[in-house]
Amino acid sequence: MGDSAVQRSELDFQDHTFRMFDRKDLNSIMVTPSFGDSLKSGAIKGATFGGLNIQDDKGRFTAVTLSYLEKELPNEVCNVDKAEILIDPQWALFYTCKVKTGN
């Protein structure tokens, strides 16, 4: 992956900060919580003996990605087609977008 192809940014979403690594040429984004949020999440998962549902994370990272795409591409409608956990809590999400039509 050529470093110049990756657009790095941060997104505040529901009182958390996420780091976004967007590969527009591949329609894929790697999303991970900020370092501070990662530490908090690790403490919570440890306190619950890892009993959190990974599908909850998938939904949250999908919502974060859609919020990011809405801000980055305001004239397009985007969908997340696939989400894969890389290493907890890093997710790869693959998306498609099309130009908005009509009102």
Protein backbone atom coordinates (compact mmCIF):
# COMPACT_ATOMS: atom_id res chain seq x y z
CA MET A 1 0.00 0.00 0.00
CA GLY A 2 1.63 3.25 -1.11
CA ASP A 3 1.62 5.72 1.75
CA SER A 4 0.58 8.62 -0.49
CA ALA A 5 -2.68 6.84 -1.36
CA VAL A 6 -3.86 6.84 2.26
CA GLN A 7 -5.86 9.83 3.46
CA ARG A 8 -5.57 10.08 7.24
CA SER A 9 -8.07 11.97 9.36
CA GLU A 10 -9.93 11.91 12.65
CA LEU A 11 -13.65 11.89 13.21
CA ASP A 12 -15.53 12.72 16.39
CA PHE A 13 -18.58 10.46 16.66
CA GLN A 14 -20.87 10.04 19.67
CA ASP A 15 -18.34 11.38 22.20
CA HIS A 16 -15.48 9.26 20.81
CA THR A 17 -12.66 10.01 18.41
CA PHE A 18 -11.82 7.62 15.60
CA ARG A 19 -8.83 7.53 13.29
CA MET A 20 -9.72 7.02 9.64
CA PHE A 21 -7.31 5.69 7.01
CA ASP A 22 -9.10 6.05 3.68
CA ARG A 23 -7.93 4.36 0.49
CA LYS A 24 -10.24 6.07 -1.98
CA ASP A 25 -8.55 4.22 -4.84
CA LEU A 26 -9.68 0.91 -3.28
CA ASN A 27 -12.95 2.15 -1.73
CA SER A 28 -11.75 0.96 1.65
CA ILE A 29 -11.23 2.53 5.05
CA MET A 30 -9.42 1.23 8.08
CA VAL A 31 -11.02 2.60 11.23
CA THR A 32 -9.64 2.47 14.74
CA PRO A 33 -10.51 4.36 17.92
CA SER A 34 -8.11 7.03 19.12
CA PHE A 35 -5.41 5.79 21.46
CA GLY A 36 -7.32 7.02 24.53
CA ASP A 37 -10.55 5.38 23.42
CA SER A 38 -8.68 2.15 22.68
CA LEU A 39 -7.36 2.06 26.22
CA LYS A 40 -10.85 2.63 27.66
CA SER A 41 -12.31 -0.07 25.42
CA GLY A 42 -9.63 -2.54 26.48
CA ALA A 43 -10.35 -1.87 30.14
CA ILE A 44 -14.09 -2.39 29.61
CA LYS A 45 -13.58 -5.65 27.70
CA GLY A 46 -11.23 -6.86 30.42
CA ALA A 47 -13.73 -6.00 33.13
CA THR A 48 -16.43 -8.00 31.32
CA PHE A 49 -14.04 -10.91 30.64
CA GLY A 50 -14.29 -10.21 26.92
CA GLY A 51 -18.06 -10.65 26.97
CA LEU A 52 -18.86 -7.86 24.53
CA ASN A 53 -20.55 -8.77 21.26
CA ILE A 54 -18.34 -8.19 18.20
CA GLN A 55 -21.46 -7.50 16.11
CA ASP A 56 -22.01 -4.40 18.27
CA ASP A 57 -18.57 -3.20 17.20
CA LYS A 58 -19.35 -3.95 13.56
CA GLY A 59 -22.47 -1.77 13.74
CA ARG A 60 -20.60 1.04 15.47
CA PHE A 61 -17.70 1.03 13.00
CA THR A 62 -20.15 0.91 10.09
CA ALA A 63 -21.97 3.97 11.49
CA VAL A 64 -18.65 5.79 12.00
CA THR A 65 -17.64 5.04 8.40
CA LEU A 66 -20.96 6.23 6.98
CA SER A 67 -20.70 9.46 9.00
CA TYR A 68 -17.18 10.01 7.67
CA LEU A 69 -18.23 9.37 4.08
CA GLU A 70 -21.20 11.72 4.41
CA LYS A 71 -18.81 14.51 5.47
CA GLU A 72 -16.14 13.66 2.89
CA LEU A 73 -18.50 13.11 -0.04
CA PRO A 74 -21.56 15.32 0.58
CA ASN A 75 -22.78 14.98 -3.02
CA GLU A 76 -22.77 11.18 -2.92
CA VAL A 77 -24.76 8.42 -1.26
CA CYS A 78 -22.53 5.72 0.19
CA ASN A 79 -23.05 2.22 1.52
CA VAL A 80 -20.75 -0.06 3.47
CA ASP A 81 -20.69 -3.33 1.56
CA LYS A 82 -18.40 -5.32 3.83
CA ALA A 83 -16.78 -4.92 7.26
CA GLU A 84 -13.97 -7.11 8.59
CA ILE A 85 -12.19 -6.99 11.90
CA LEU A 86 -8.43 -6.80 11.38
CA ILE A 87 -7.13 -6.71 14.94
CA ASP A 88 -9.46 -5.72 17.76
CA PRO A 89 -10.29 -2.77 17.66
CA GLN A 90 -9.24 -2.11 14.03
CA TRP A 91 -11.77 -2.65 11.25
CA ALA A 92 -11.51 -2.59 7.46
CA LEU A 93 -14.66 -1.41 5.74
CA PHE A 94 -15.34 -1.50 2.01
CA TYR A 95 -17.76 0.95 0.49
CA THR A 96 -19.46 2.06 -2.71
CA CYS A 97 -20.76 5.54 -3.45
CA LYS A 98 -22.83 7.08 -6.18
CA VAL A 99 -23.72 10.66 -7.02
CA LYS A 100 -26.95 11.86 -5.44
CA THR A 101 -29.77 12.42 -7.89
CA GLY A 102 -32.89 14.52 -7.53
CA ASN A 103 -33.78 16.37 -4.33
